[in-house]
Amino acid sequence: MIKKYKTACKVTIYTVILMLISIIIYKVYKMNLGVDDIKNYVESFGKLGPIIYIIMFSLVPLTLFPDSILAISSGIIFGLVNGYIYTAIGALIGATISFYISRKLGRNVVKKLTKEKLDKVENMINEKGFFIVLILRLIPLFPFDVISYGSGLTSIKYKDFLLATFFGTIPGIFVFVNIGAQSVNIGSKSFYLSIIGLILLLVVSIILKNIFITKNLENNK
């Protein structure tokens, strides 16, 4: 009885803290921050800018803010190489936060953080684990946080989840950060190539979605 009471208290405290953090972050991001606003905000911290950016990106799963805008901003602020590194770190931290929120606090808490239905995602990940998470991460059109929350509710090992996230997000992060890095020279050949890269990413995403995800969803009906 005492053990159940302590567990209930712990879950309640964690839930309240997470909800408060979510509300604060949501209000900050809701102020219609554009790429220039993000750039000015991050640069205002000087040498701490990269750390601030990583924190911002890692908290994206707790907000409704588009991670693509942050990724593009990082390319403008830090350039392609550093922008990619900082964004990848933020993505892995954010994915980890979402993964453990759902694994430790359960389905009821996750439902408050996302409006998406997780059942079908859970079923796919439970069946094919690493492979499905990898494919889902290769599809930028698929909500990033839903994959993380859904994974936390399954039996997939954290190591497999993290590796699939790392490799699966490489193309998407590279493309969006590259657009930001090349946008300083709008009209240049490199800028147009970055746009072509985005188009190719979207095309490949649609193909992967139709081949793997739609098929798995139909099998899980």
N, C-alpha and C. Protein backbone atom coordinates (compact mmCIF):
# COMPACT_ATOMS: atom_id res chain seq x y z
N MET A 1 0.83 -1.20 0.00
CA MET A 1 0.00 0.00 0.00
C MET A 1 0.87 1.26 0.00
N ILE A 2 1.88 1.26 0.89
CA ILE A 2 2.78 2.41 0.99
C ILE A 2 3.56 2.59 -0.31
N LYS A 3 3.99 1.45 -0.89
CA LYS A 3 4.75 1.49 -2.13
C LYS A 3 3.91 2.10 -3.25
N LYS A 4 2.64 1.70 -3.33
CA LYS A 4 1.75 2.23 -4.36
C LYS A 4 1.53 3.72 -4.16
N TYR A 5 1.43 4.14 -2.88
CA TYR A 5 1.23 5.55 -2.57
C TYR A 5 2.43 6.38 -3.01
N LYS A 6 3.63 5.87 -2.71
CA LYS A 6 4.86 6.57 -3.11
C LYS A 6 4.96 6.68 -4.62
N THR A 7 4.61 5.59 -5.30
CA THR A 7 4.65 5.59 -6.76
C THR A 7 3.68 6.61 -7.34
N ALA A 8 2.48 6.66 -6.76
CA ALA A 8 1.45 7.60 -7.22
C ALA A 8 1.90 9.04 -7.01
N CYS A 9 2.53 9.30 -5.85
CA CYS A 9 3.03 10.64 -5.54
C CYS A 9 4.13 11.05 -6.52
N LYS A 10 5.02 10.09 -6.80
CA LYS A 10 6.13 10.36 -7.71
C LYS A 10 5.61 10.69 -9.11
N VAL A 11 4.66 9.90 -9.58
CA VAL A 11 4.08 10.12 -10.90
C VAL A 11 3.38 11.48 -10.95
N THR A 12 2.67 11.82 -9.88
CA THR A 12 1.96 13.10 -9.82
C THR A 12 2.92 14.27 -9.88
N ILE A 13 4.00 14.18 -9.09
CA ILE A 13 5.00 15.25 -9.06
C ILE A 13 5.65 15.42 -10.42
N TYR A 14 6.07 14.30 -11.03
CA TYR A 14 6.69 14.36 -12.35
C TYR A 14 5.74 14.95 -13.38
N THR A 15 4.48 14.55 -13.29
CA THR A 15 3.49 15.04 -14.25
C THR A 15 3.29 16.54 -14.13
N VAL A 16 3.17 17.03 -12.89
CA VAL A 16 2.99 18.46 -12.65
C VAL A 16 4.19 19.25 -13.17
N ILE A 17 5.39 18.76 -12.86
CA ILE A 17 6.61 19.43 -13.31
C ILE A 17 6.66 19.49 -14.83
N LEU A 18 6.39 18.37 -15.47
CA LEU A 18 6.42 18.30 -16.93
C LEU A 18 5.38 19.22 -17.56
N MET A 19 4.20 19.26 -16.97
CA MET A 19 3.14 20.11 -17.51
C MET A 19 3.50 21.59 -17.37
N LEU A 20 4.10 21.96 -16.23
CA LEU A 20 4.51 23.35 -16.02
C LEU A 20 5.59 23.75 -17.01
N ILE A 21 6.57 22.85 -17.20
CA ILE A 21 7.64 23.11 -18.16
C ILE A 21 7.05 23.26 -19.56
N SER A 22 6.13 22.38 -19.89
CA SER A 22 5.50 22.40 -21.22
C SER A 22 4.75 23.71 -21.46
N ILE A 23 4.02 24.17 -20.44
CA ILE A 23 3.26 25.42 -20.56
C ILE A 23 4.19 26.60 -20.78
N ILE A 24 5.27 26.64 -19.99
CA ILE A 24 6.23 27.75 -20.11
C ILE A 24 6.88 27.76 -21.48
N ILE A 25 7.35 26.58 -21.91
CA ILE A 25 8.03 26.49 -23.20
C ILE A 25 7.07 26.82 -24.33
N TYR A 26 5.85 26.31 -24.23
CA TYR A 26 4.85 26.56 -25.27
C TYR A 26 4.59 28.05 -25.42
N LYS A 27 4.46 28.76 -24.29
CA LYS A 27 4.19 30.19 -24.34
C LYS A 27 5.35 30.95 -24.97
N VAL A 28 6.57 30.50 -24.69
CA VAL A 28 7.75 31.14 -25.28
C VAL A 28 7.76 30.95 -26.79
N TYR A 29 7.56 29.70 -27.22
CA TYR A 29 7.61 29.40 -28.64
C TYR A 29 6.40 29.96 -29.39
N LYS A 30 5.31 30.20 -28.68
CA LYS A 30 4.09 30.67 -29.33
C LYS A 30 4.20 32.14 -29.73
N MET A 31 5.27 32.80 -29.34
CA MET A 31 5.42 34.22 -29.63
C MET A 31 5.83 34.44 -31.09
N ASN A 32 5.47 33.50 -31.97
CA ASN A 32 5.74 33.61 -33.40
C ASN A 32 7.21 33.91 -33.71
N LEU A 33 8.08 33.15 -33.10
CA LEU A 33 9.51 33.32 -33.34
C LEU A 33 9.85 32.86 -34.74
N GLY A 34 10.48 33.75 -35.51
CA GLY A 34 10.93 33.39 -36.85
C GLY A 34 12.40 33.03 -36.81
N VAL A 35 12.95 32.74 -37.98
CA VAL A 35 14.37 32.37 -38.06
C VAL A 35 15.26 33.48 -37.54
N ASP A 36 14.95 34.73 -37.91
CA ASP A 36 15.77 35.87 -37.47
C ASP A 36 15.69 36.05 -35.95
N ASP A 37 14.51 35.84 -35.39
CA ASP A 37 14.34 35.97 -33.93
C ASP A 37 15.17 34.93 -33.20
N ILE A 38 15.13 33.70 -33.71
CA ILE A 38 15.90 32.61 -33.10
C ILE A 38 17.39 32.92 -33.20
N LYS A 39 17.81 33.39 -34.37
CA LYS A 39 19.22 33.73 -34.60
C LYS A 39 19.69 34.79 -33.60
N ASN A 40 18.91 35.85 -33.46
CA ASN A 40 19.28 36.93 -32.55
C ASN A 40 19.29 36.45 -31.10
N TYR A 41 18.32 35.62 -30.75
CA TYR A 41 18.22 35.11 -29.38
C TYR A 41 19.42 34.24 -29.03
N VAL A 42 19.75 33.29 -29.90
CA VAL A 42 20.87 32.38 -29.65
C VAL A 42 22.19 33.15 -29.62
N GLU A 43 22.37 34.05 -30.56
CA GLU A 43 23.63 34.81 -30.64
C GLU A 43 23.81 35.75 -29.46
N SER A 44 22.71 36.13 -28.81
CA SER A 44 22.80 37.03 -27.66
C SER A 44 23.51 36.38 -26.47
N PHE A 45 23.63 35.05 -26.50
CA PHE A 45 24.31 34.33 -25.42
C PHE A 45 25.80 34.15 -25.68
N GLY A 46 26.28 34.67 -26.79
CA GLY A 46 27.70 34.59 -27.10
C GLY A 46 28.21 33.16 -27.22
N LYS A 47 29.25 32.84 -26.46
CA LYS A 47 29.86 31.51 -26.53
C LYS A 47 28.92 30.41 -26.02
N LEU A 48 27.93 30.80 -25.25
CA LEU A 48 26.97 29.82 -24.74
C LEU A 48 25.87 29.52 -25.76
N GLY A 49 25.92 30.21 -26.89
CA GLY A 49 24.91 30.03 -27.93
C GLY A 49 24.65 28.59 -28.32
N PRO A 50 25.71 27.80 -28.60
CA PRO A 50 25.49 26.40 -28.98
C PRO A 50 24.74 25.60 -27.92
N ILE A 51 25.06 25.85 -26.63
CA ILE A 51 24.39 25.13 -25.55
C ILE A 51 22.92 25.52 -25.48
N ILE A 52 22.65 26.82 -25.62
CA ILE A 52 21.27 27.31 -25.60
C ILE A 52 20.48 26.69 -26.74
N TYR A 53 21.10 26.64 -27.92
CA TYR A 53 20.42 26.06 -29.08
C TYR A 53 20.11 24.58 -28.86
N ILE A 54 21.08 23.85 -28.34
CA ILE A 54 20.88 22.41 -28.09
C ILE A 54 19.73 22.20 -27.10
N ILE A 55 19.68 23.04 -26.06
CA ILE A 55 18.59 22.94 -25.07
C ILE A 55 17.25 23.22 -25.75
N MET A 56 17.21 24.27 -26.57
CA MET A 56 15.97 24.61 -27.28
C MET A 56 15.50 23.45 -28.15
N PHE A 57 16.43 22.85 -28.89
CA PHE A 57 16.05 21.77 -29.80
C PHE A 57 15.63 20.52 -29.02
N SER A 58 16.30 20.27 -27.91
CA SER A 58 15.99 19.07 -27.13
C SER A 58 14.61 19.16 -26.48
N LEU A 59 14.10 20.38 -26.31
CA LEU A 59 12.80 20.57 -25.68
C LEU A 59 11.66 20.67 -26.69
N VAL A 60 11.98 20.58 -27.97
CA VAL A 60 10.96 20.65 -29.02
C VAL A 60 9.84 19.63 -28.82
N PRO A 61 10.14 18.37 -28.41
CA PRO A 61 9.06 17.40 -28.22
C PRO A 61 8.01 17.82 -27.20
N LEU A 62 8.37 18.75 -26.31
CA LEU A 62 7.42 19.21 -25.29
C LEU A 62 6.65 20.44 -25.75
N THR A 63 6.87 20.87 -27.00
CA THR A 63 6.21 22.06 -27.54
C THR A 63 5.56 21.73 -28.87
N LEU A 64 4.91 22.72 -29.45
CA LEU A 64 4.32 22.56 -30.78
C LEU A 64 5.16 23.29 -31.82
N PHE A 65 6.38 23.67 -31.43
CA PHE A 65 7.23 24.46 -32.32
C PHE A 65 7.88 23.56 -33.38
N PRO A 66 7.87 23.98 -34.65
CA PRO A 66 8.44 23.16 -35.74
C PRO A 66 9.96 23.01 -35.61
N ASP A 67 10.44 21.78 -35.51
CA ASP A 67 11.88 21.57 -35.38
C ASP A 67 12.62 21.94 -36.66
N SER A 68 11.93 21.95 -37.81
CA SER A 68 12.58 22.29 -39.08
C SER A 68 13.05 23.75 -39.07
N ILE A 69 12.28 24.64 -38.43
CA ILE A 69 12.67 26.05 -38.36
C ILE A 69 13.93 26.21 -37.52
N LEU A 70 14.00 25.46 -36.42
CA LEU A 70 15.21 25.50 -35.58
C LEU A 70 16.41 24.97 -36.34
N ALA A 71 16.22 23.88 -37.09
CA ALA A 71 17.32 23.28 -37.84
C ALA A 71 17.84 24.24 -38.90
N ILE A 72 16.93 24.91 -39.60
CA ILE A 72 17.33 25.90 -40.60
C ILE A 72 18.08 27.04 -39.93
N SER A 73 17.59 27.46 -38.77
CA SER A 73 18.24 28.55 -38.02
C SER A 73 19.66 28.18 -37.64
N SER A 74 19.88 26.92 -37.26
CA SER A 74 21.22 26.49 -36.85
C SER A 74 22.20 26.57 -38.01
N GLY A 75 21.71 26.30 -39.23
CA GLY A 75 22.58 26.42 -40.40
C GLY A 75 23.02 27.84 -40.63
N ILE A 76 22.09 28.78 -40.39
CA ILE A 76 22.40 30.20 -40.56
C ILE A 76 23.37 30.67 -39.48
N ILE A 77 23.13 30.23 -38.25
CA ILE A 77 23.94 30.69 -37.12
C ILE A 77 25.32 30.05 -37.06
N PHE A 78 25.36 28.73 -37.21
CA PHE A 78 26.61 27.99 -36.97
C PHE A 78 27.27 27.44 -38.24
N GLY A 79 26.58 27.49 -39.37
CA GLY A 79 27.13 26.87 -40.57
C GLY A 79 26.72 25.40 -40.66
N LEU A 80 27.06 24.76 -41.76
CA LEU A 80 26.59 23.39 -42.01
C LEU A 80 27.13 22.37 -41.00
N VAL A 81 28.43 22.34 -40.80
CA VAL A 81 29.04 21.31 -39.95
C VAL A 81 28.62 21.45 -38.49
N ASN A 82 28.88 22.61 -37.90
CA ASN A 82 28.52 22.81 -36.49
C ASN A 82 27.01 22.79 -36.30
N GLY A 83 26.28 23.35 -37.26
CA GLY A 83 24.82 23.34 -37.18
C GLY A 83 24.28 21.93 -37.15
N TYR A 84 24.87 21.06 -37.98
CA TYR A 84 24.43 19.66 -38.00
C TYR A 84 24.74 18.98 -36.66
N ILE A 85 25.95 19.19 -36.16
CA ILE A 85 26.37 18.55 -34.90
C ILE A 85 25.46 18.96 -33.75
N TYR A 86 25.21 20.27 -33.61
CA TYR A 86 24.39 20.76 -32.50
C TYR A 86 22.94 20.27 -32.63
N THR A 87 22.43 20.25 -33.85
CA THR A 87 21.06 19.80 -34.07
C THR A 87 20.92 18.30 -33.79
N ALA A 88 21.92 17.53 -34.22
CA ALA A 88 21.90 16.07 -33.98
C ALA A 88 21.92 15.78 -32.49
N ILE A 89 22.75 16.52 -31.75
CA ILE A 89 22.83 16.34 -30.30
C ILE A 89 21.48 16.68 -29.66
N GLY A 90 20.91 17.81 -30.07
CA GLY A 90 19.61 18.22 -29.53
C GLY A 90 18.51 17.21 -29.84
N ALA A 91 18.56 16.66 -31.07
CA ALA A 91 17.55 15.67 -31.48
C ALA A 91 17.65 14.40 -30.63
N LEU A 92 18.87 13.96 -30.37
CA LEU A 92 19.06 12.74 -29.57
C LEU A 92 18.63 12.96 -28.12
N ILE A 93 18.95 14.14 -27.59
CA ILE A 93 18.53 14.44 -26.21
C ILE A 93 17.01 14.53 -26.13
N GLY A 94 16.41 15.23 -27.11
CA GLY A 94 14.96 15.37 -27.14
C GLY A 94 14.26 14.04 -27.27
N ALA A 95 14.80 13.18 -28.14
CA ALA A 95 14.23 11.84 -28.34
C ALA A 95 14.32 11.03 -27.05
N THR A 96 15.45 11.17 -26.35
CA THR A 96 15.66 10.46 -25.09
C THR A 96 14.67 10.92 -24.02
N ILE A 97 14.46 12.23 -23.94
CA ILE A 97 13.51 12.78 -22.97
C ILE A 97 12.12 12.21 -23.20
N SER A 98 11.68 12.25 -24.46
CA SER A 98 10.34 11.74 -24.79
C SER A 98 10.23 10.24 -24.53
N PHE A 99 11.29 9.51 -24.88
CA PHE A 99 11.33 8.06 -24.69
C PHE A 99 11.13 7.69 -23.23
N TYR A 100 11.87 8.36 -22.35
CA TYR A 100 11.79 8.02 -20.92
C TYR A 100 10.56 8.60 -20.24
N ILE A 101 10.03 9.69 -20.77
CA ILE A 101 8.77 10.21 -20.23
C ILE A 101 7.68 9.15 -20.37
N SER A 102 7.59 8.58 -21.58
CA SER A 102 6.55 7.57 -21.81
C SER A 102 6.87 6.26 -21.11
N ARG A 103 8.15 5.91 -21.05
CA ARG A 103 8.52 4.63 -20.41
C ARG A 103 8.33 4.68 -18.90
N LYS A 104 8.64 5.81 -18.30
CA LYS A 104 8.55 5.90 -16.83
C LYS A 104 7.17 6.34 -16.34
N LEU A 105 6.52 7.23 -17.09
CA LEU A 105 5.26 7.79 -16.62
C LEU A 105 4.03 7.18 -17.26
N GLY A 106 4.21 6.49 -18.38
CA GLY A 106 3.10 5.74 -18.96
C GLY A 106 2.20 6.47 -19.93
N ARG A 107 1.23 5.74 -20.41
CA ARG A 107 0.34 6.19 -21.49
C ARG A 107 -0.49 7.42 -21.14
N ASN A 108 -0.99 7.50 -19.92
CA ASN A 108 -1.86 8.61 -19.55
C ASN A 108 -1.15 9.96 -19.65
N VAL A 109 0.11 9.99 -19.23
CA VAL A 109 0.89 11.23 -19.31
C VAL A 109 1.18 11.57 -20.76
N VAL A 110 1.53 10.56 -21.55
CA VAL A 110 1.86 10.77 -22.96
C VAL A 110 0.67 11.34 -23.72
N LYS A 111 -0.53 10.89 -23.40
CA LYS A 111 -1.73 11.37 -24.08
C LYS A 111 -1.91 12.88 -23.90
N LYS A 112 -1.39 13.42 -22.80
CA LYS A 112 -1.50 14.85 -22.54
C LYS A 112 -0.47 15.64 -23.34
N LEU A 113 0.56 14.95 -23.82
CA LEU A 113 1.64 15.61 -24.54
C LEU A 113 1.51 15.51 -26.05
N THR A 114 0.68 14.62 -26.52
CA THR A 114 0.48 14.47 -27.97
C THR A 114 -0.96 14.09 -28.27
N LYS A 115 -1.48 14.62 -29.36
CA LYS A 115 -2.85 14.32 -29.77
C LYS A 115 -2.89 13.11 -30.69
N GLU A 116 -1.72 12.66 -31.12
CA GLU A 116 -1.66 11.54 -32.06
C GLU A 116 -2.00 10.22 -31.36
N LYS A 117 -2.58 9.29 -32.11
CA LYS A 117 -2.85 7.96 -31.60
C LYS A 117 -1.58 7.12 -31.70
N LEU A 118 -1.19 6.51 -30.60
CA LEU A 118 0.08 5.79 -30.55
C LEU A 118 -0.05 4.29 -30.76
N ASP A 119 -1.27 3.78 -30.73
CA ASP A 119 -1.47 2.32 -30.78
C ASP A 119 -0.78 1.66 -31.97
N LYS A 120 -1.03 2.20 -33.17
CA LYS A 120 -0.48 1.58 -34.38
C LYS A 120 1.04 1.71 -34.43
N VAL A 121 1.54 2.86 -33.95
CA VAL A 121 3.00 3.05 -33.90
C VAL A 121 3.62 2.04 -32.95
N GLU A 122 2.99 1.86 -31.81
CA GLU A 122 3.46 0.87 -30.83
C GLU A 122 3.53 -0.52 -31.43
N ASN A 123 2.47 -0.91 -32.11
CA ASN A 123 2.41 -2.25 -32.70
C ASN A 123 3.53 -2.48 -33.70
N MET A 124 3.77 -1.47 -34.54
CA MET A 124 4.84 -1.60 -35.54
C MET A 124 6.20 -1.74 -34.88
N ILE A 125 6.45 -0.90 -33.87
CA ILE A 125 7.75 -0.92 -33.20
C ILE A 125 7.94 -2.21 -32.40
N ASN A 126 6.87 -2.68 -31.78
CA ASN A 126 6.95 -3.94 -31.03
C ASN A 126 7.32 -5.11 -31.92
N GLU A 127 6.82 -5.07 -33.15
CA GLU A 127 7.06 -6.17 -34.08
C GLU A 127 8.45 -6.13 -34.70
N LYS A 128 8.90 -4.92 -35.11
CA LYS A 128 10.15 -4.84 -35.87
C LYS A 128 11.19 -3.89 -35.27
N GLY A 129 10.90 -3.34 -34.11
CA GLY A 129 11.87 -2.56 -33.34
C GLY A 129 12.75 -1.60 -34.10
N PHE A 130 14.04 -1.87 -34.10
CA PHE A 130 15.05 -0.99 -34.69
C PHE A 130 14.70 -0.59 -36.11
N PHE A 131 14.31 -1.55 -36.94
CA PHE A 131 14.04 -1.30 -38.36
C PHE A 131 12.93 -0.27 -38.55
N ILE A 132 11.83 -0.43 -37.83
CA ILE A 132 10.70 0.48 -37.98
C ILE A 132 11.05 1.88 -37.48
N VAL A 133 11.74 1.97 -36.34
CA VAL A 133 12.15 3.29 -35.83
C VAL A 133 13.06 3.97 -36.84
N LEU A 134 13.98 3.21 -37.43
CA LEU A 134 14.89 3.76 -38.44
C LEU A 134 14.11 4.30 -39.63
N ILE A 135 13.17 3.52 -40.14
CA ILE A 135 12.37 3.95 -41.29
C ILE A 135 11.53 5.18 -40.95
N LEU A 136 10.92 5.16 -39.77
CA LEU A 136 10.10 6.30 -39.35
C LEU A 136 10.94 7.57 -39.23
N ARG A 137 12.16 7.43 -38.73
CA ARG A 137 13.04 8.60 -38.60
C ARG A 137 13.48 9.13 -39.97
N LEU A 138 13.47 8.27 -40.97
CA LEU A 138 13.85 8.70 -42.32
C LEU A 138 12.72 9.46 -43.01
N ILE A 139 11.57 9.53 -42.34
CA ILE A 139 10.40 10.21 -42.91
C ILE A 139 10.12 11.49 -42.11
N PRO A 140 10.63 12.64 -42.56
CA PRO A 140 10.43 13.90 -41.83
C PRO A 140 8.95 14.26 -41.67
N LEU A 141 8.10 13.72 -42.56
CA LEU A 141 6.67 14.02 -42.49
C LEU A 141 6.00 13.34 -41.30
N PHE A 142 6.69 12.35 -40.72
CA PHE A 142 6.13 11.62 -39.57
C PHE A 142 6.56 12.34 -38.29
N PRO A 143 5.60 12.70 -37.41
CA PRO A 143 5.90 13.45 -36.19
C PRO A 143 7.04 12.83 -35.36
N PHE A 144 8.08 13.61 -35.12
CA PHE A 144 9.27 13.14 -34.41
C PHE A 144 8.95 12.65 -33.00
N ASP A 145 8.16 13.46 -32.28
CA ASP A 145 7.87 13.12 -30.88
C ASP A 145 6.98 11.90 -30.74
N VAL A 146 6.09 11.68 -31.72
CA VAL A 146 5.20 10.52 -31.68
C VAL A 146 6.01 9.22 -31.73
N ILE A 147 7.06 9.22 -32.56
CA ILE A 147 7.93 8.04 -32.65
C ILE A 147 8.61 7.78 -31.31
N SER A 148 9.08 8.84 -30.68
CA SER A 148 9.79 8.71 -29.40
C SER A 148 8.85 8.26 -28.29
N TYR A 149 7.69 8.90 -28.19
CA TYR A 149 6.72 8.51 -27.16
C TYR A 149 6.24 7.09 -27.39
N GLY A 150 5.95 6.76 -28.65
CA GLY A 150 5.49 5.41 -28.97
C GLY A 150 6.52 4.36 -28.64
N SER A 151 7.79 4.67 -28.91
CA SER A 151 8.88 3.72 -28.64
C SER A 151 9.01 3.45 -27.15
N GLY A 152 8.83 4.50 -26.34
CA GLY A 152 8.95 4.34 -24.90
C GLY A 152 7.89 3.43 -24.31
N LEU A 153 6.79 3.29 -25.01
CA LEU A 153 5.70 2.43 -24.53
C LEU A 153 5.86 0.99 -24.98
N THR A 154 6.92 0.72 -25.76
CA THR A 154 7.15 -0.63 -26.27
C THR A 154 8.31 -1.30 -25.53
N SER A 155 8.67 -2.49 -25.99
CA SER A 155 9.76 -3.24 -25.35
C SER A 155 11.11 -3.00 -26.02
N ILE A 156 11.17 -2.07 -26.98
CA ILE A 156 12.43 -1.82 -27.67
C ILE A 156 13.50 -1.34 -26.69
N LYS A 157 14.73 -1.80 -26.87
CA LYS A 157 15.83 -1.39 -26.00
C LYS A 157 16.21 0.05 -26.32
N TYR A 158 16.60 0.80 -25.28
CA TYR A 158 16.97 2.20 -25.48
C TYR A 158 18.12 2.33 -26.47
N LYS A 159 19.09 1.43 -26.40
CA LYS A 159 20.24 1.48 -27.30
C LYS A 159 19.80 1.37 -28.75
N ASP A 160 18.90 0.44 -29.03
CA ASP A 160 18.40 0.27 -30.40
C ASP A 160 17.61 1.50 -30.85
N PHE A 161 16.82 2.04 -29.94
CA PHE A 161 16.04 3.25 -30.24
C PHE A 161 16.96 4.41 -30.58
N LEU A 162 18.01 4.59 -29.76
CA LEU A 162 18.93 5.72 -29.96
C LEU A 162 19.72 5.58 -31.26
N LEU A 163 20.20 4.37 -31.55
CA LEU A 163 20.95 4.15 -32.78
C LEU A 163 20.07 4.37 -34.01
N ALA A 164 18.84 3.88 -33.96
CA ALA A 164 17.91 4.06 -35.07
C ALA A 164 17.61 5.54 -35.27
N THR A 165 17.49 6.27 -34.16
CA THR A 165 17.24 7.71 -34.22
C THR A 165 18.44 8.44 -34.81
N PHE A 166 19.63 8.06 -34.38
CA PHE A 166 20.85 8.71 -34.86
C PHE A 166 21.00 8.55 -36.37
N PHE A 167 20.92 7.32 -36.84
CA PHE A 167 21.12 7.07 -38.28
C PHE A 167 19.92 7.55 -39.11
N GLY A 168 18.72 7.41 -38.56
CA GLY A 168 17.53 7.79 -39.32
C GLY A 168 17.35 9.28 -39.50
N THR A 169 17.90 10.07 -38.59
CA THR A 169 17.72 11.53 -38.69
C THR A 169 18.83 12.22 -39.48
N ILE A 170 19.85 11.48 -39.88
CA ILE A 170 20.97 12.09 -40.62
C ILE A 170 20.51 12.84 -41.87
N PRO A 171 19.74 12.22 -42.78
CA PRO A 171 19.34 12.93 -44.00
C PRO A 171 18.51 14.18 -43.73
N GLY A 172 17.50 14.05 -42.85
CA GLY A 172 16.61 15.17 -42.57
C GLY A 172 17.33 16.35 -41.94
N ILE A 173 18.15 16.08 -40.93
CA ILE A 173 18.90 17.15 -40.27
C ILE A 173 19.84 17.82 -41.26
N PHE A 174 20.55 17.01 -42.04
CA PHE A 174 21.51 17.56 -43.02
C PHE A 174 20.81 18.49 -44.00
N VAL A 175 19.68 18.05 -44.53
CA VAL A 175 18.96 18.83 -45.55
C VAL A 175 18.50 20.18 -44.99
N PHE A 176 17.86 20.17 -43.82
CA PHE A 176 17.33 21.42 -43.26
C PHE A 176 18.44 22.36 -42.79
N VAL A 177 19.47 21.82 -42.17
CA VAL A 177 20.59 22.66 -41.74
C VAL A 177 21.30 23.24 -42.96
N ASN A 178 21.43 22.44 -44.01
CA ASN A 178 22.09 22.90 -45.24
C ASN A 178 21.32 24.04 -45.90
N ILE A 179 19.99 23.97 -45.86
CA ILE A 179 19.19 25.07 -46.41
C ILE A 179 19.51 26.37 -45.68
N GLY A 180 19.61 26.28 -44.35
CA GLY A 180 19.95 27.46 -43.57
C GLY A 180 21.34 27.97 -43.89
N ALA A 181 22.28 27.05 -43.99
CA ALA A 181 23.67 27.44 -44.27
C ALA A 181 23.81 28.09 -45.64
N GLN A 182 23.05 27.60 -46.61
CA GLN A 182 23.16 28.12 -47.98
C GLN A 182 22.27 29.35 -48.21
N SER A 183 21.35 29.61 -47.29
CA SER A 183 20.42 30.73 -47.49
C SER A 183 21.10 32.09 -47.40
N VAL A 184 22.33 32.11 -46.88
CA VAL A 184 23.07 33.37 -46.83
C VAL A 184 23.48 33.79 -48.24
N ASN A 185 23.41 32.85 -49.18
CA ASN A 185 23.73 33.14 -50.58
C ASN A 185 22.55 32.74 -51.48
N ILE A 186 21.38 33.34 -51.19
CA ILE A 186 20.19 33.02 -51.99
C ILE A 186 20.43 33.38 -53.45
N GLY A 187 20.11 32.44 -54.32
CA GLY A 187 20.32 32.66 -55.75
C GLY A 187 21.56 31.96 -56.26
N SER A 188 22.39 31.48 -55.33
CA SER A 188 23.61 30.77 -55.72
C SER A 188 23.29 29.33 -56.09
N LYS A 189 24.23 28.68 -56.76
CA LYS A 189 24.05 27.29 -57.16
C LYS A 189 23.87 26.39 -55.94
N SER A 190 24.65 26.65 -54.90
CA SER A 190 24.58 25.82 -53.69
C SER A 190 23.22 25.95 -53.01
N PHE A 191 22.61 27.14 -53.08
CA PHE A 191 21.29 27.33 -52.47
C PHE A 191 20.24 26.51 -53.22
N TYR A 192 20.28 26.57 -54.54
CA TYR A 192 19.31 25.81 -55.33
C TYR A 192 19.50 24.31 -55.14
N LEU A 193 20.75 23.89 -54.96
CA LEU A 193 21.01 22.47 -54.71
C LEU A 193 20.42 22.04 -53.37
N SER A 194 20.46 22.95 -52.39
CA SER A 194 19.89 22.63 -51.08
C SER A 194 18.37 22.47 -51.17
N ILE A 195 17.74 23.27 -52.03
CA ILE A 195 16.29 23.15 -52.24
C ILE A 195 15.96 21.84 -52.95
N ILE A 196 16.80 21.48 -53.93
CA ILE A 196 16.62 20.20 -54.63
C ILE A 196 16.75 19.05 -53.64
N GLY A 197 17.70 19.20 -52.70
CA GLY A 197 17.89 18.18 -51.66
C GLY A 197 16.64 18.01 -50.82
N LEU A 198 15.97 19.12 -50.50
CA LEU A 198 14.73 19.07 -49.72
C LEU A 198 13.63 18.35 -50.50
N ILE A 199 13.52 18.66 -51.79
CA ILE A 199 12.51 18.03 -52.63
C ILE A 199 12.74 16.52 -52.71
N LEU A 200 14.00 16.13 -52.89
CA LEU A 200 14.34 14.71 -52.96
C LEU A 200 14.02 14.00 -51.64
N LEU A 201 14.31 14.68 -50.53
CA LEU A 201 14.01 14.11 -49.21
C LEU A 201 12.52 13.86 -49.05
N LEU A 202 11.71 14.81 -49.49
CA LEU A 202 10.26 14.66 -49.38
C LEU A 202 9.75 13.53 -50.27
N VAL A 203 10.32 13.42 -51.48
CA VAL A 203 9.91 12.36 -52.40
C VAL A 203 10.25 10.99 -51.82
N VAL A 204 11.48 10.86 -51.31
CA VAL A 204 11.92 9.59 -50.71
C VAL A 204 11.06 9.27 -49.49
N SER A 205 10.71 10.30 -48.72
CA SER A 205 9.87 10.10 -47.54
C SER A 205 8.51 9.52 -47.91
N ILE A 206 7.92 10.07 -48.97
CA ILE A 206 6.60 9.59 -49.42
C ILE A 206 6.70 8.15 -49.89
N ILE A 207 7.78 7.83 -50.61
CA ILE A 207 7.98 6.47 -51.11
C ILE A 207 8.13 5.49 -49.94
N LEU A 208 8.97 5.85 -48.96
CA LEU A 208 9.18 5.00 -47.79
C LEU A 208 7.88 4.80 -47.02
N LYS A 209 7.13 5.90 -46.90
CA LYS A 209 5.86 5.83 -46.17
C LYS A 209 4.90 4.85 -46.85
N ASN A 210 4.83 4.94 -48.17
CA ASN A 210 3.92 4.06 -48.91
C ASN A 210 4.36 2.60 -48.90
N ILE A 211 5.68 2.38 -48.97
CA ILE A 211 6.20 1.01 -49.03
C ILE A 211 6.16 0.31 -47.68
N PHE A 212 6.66 1.00 -46.65
CA PHE A 212 6.82 0.34 -45.35
C PHE A 212 5.71 0.65 -44.36
N ILE A 213 5.44 1.94 -44.15
CA ILE A 213 4.54 2.33 -43.08
C ILE A 213 3.09 1.99 -43.39
N THR A 214 2.62 2.37 -44.57
CA THR A 214 1.23 2.07 -44.93
C THR A 214 0.96 0.58 -44.88
N LYS A 215 1.92 -0.20 -45.38
CA LYS A 215 1.79 -1.66 -45.38
C LYS A 215 1.69 -2.20 -43.96
N ASN A 216 2.55 -1.70 -43.07
CA ASN A 216 2.53 -2.17 -41.68
C ASN A 216 1.26 -1.74 -40.96
N LEU A 217 0.77 -0.54 -41.27
CA LEU A 217 -0.46 -0.07 -40.64
C LEU A 217 -1.64 -0.94 -41.06
N GLU A 218 -1.66 -1.34 -42.33
CA GLU A 218 -2.74 -2.19 -42.82
C GLU A 218 -2.69 -3.57 -42.15
N ASN A 219 -1.47 -4.06 -41.94
CA ASN A 219 -1.31 -5.37 -41.30
C ASN A 219 -1.72 -5.35 -39.83
N ASN A 220 -1.67 -4.14 -39.23
CA ASN A 220 -1.99 -4.02 -37.81
C ASN A 220 -3.45 -3.64 -37.54
N LYS A 221 -4.25 -3.59 -38.61
CA LYS A 221 -5.66 -3.25 -38.43
C LYS A 221 -6.40 -4.39 -37.73
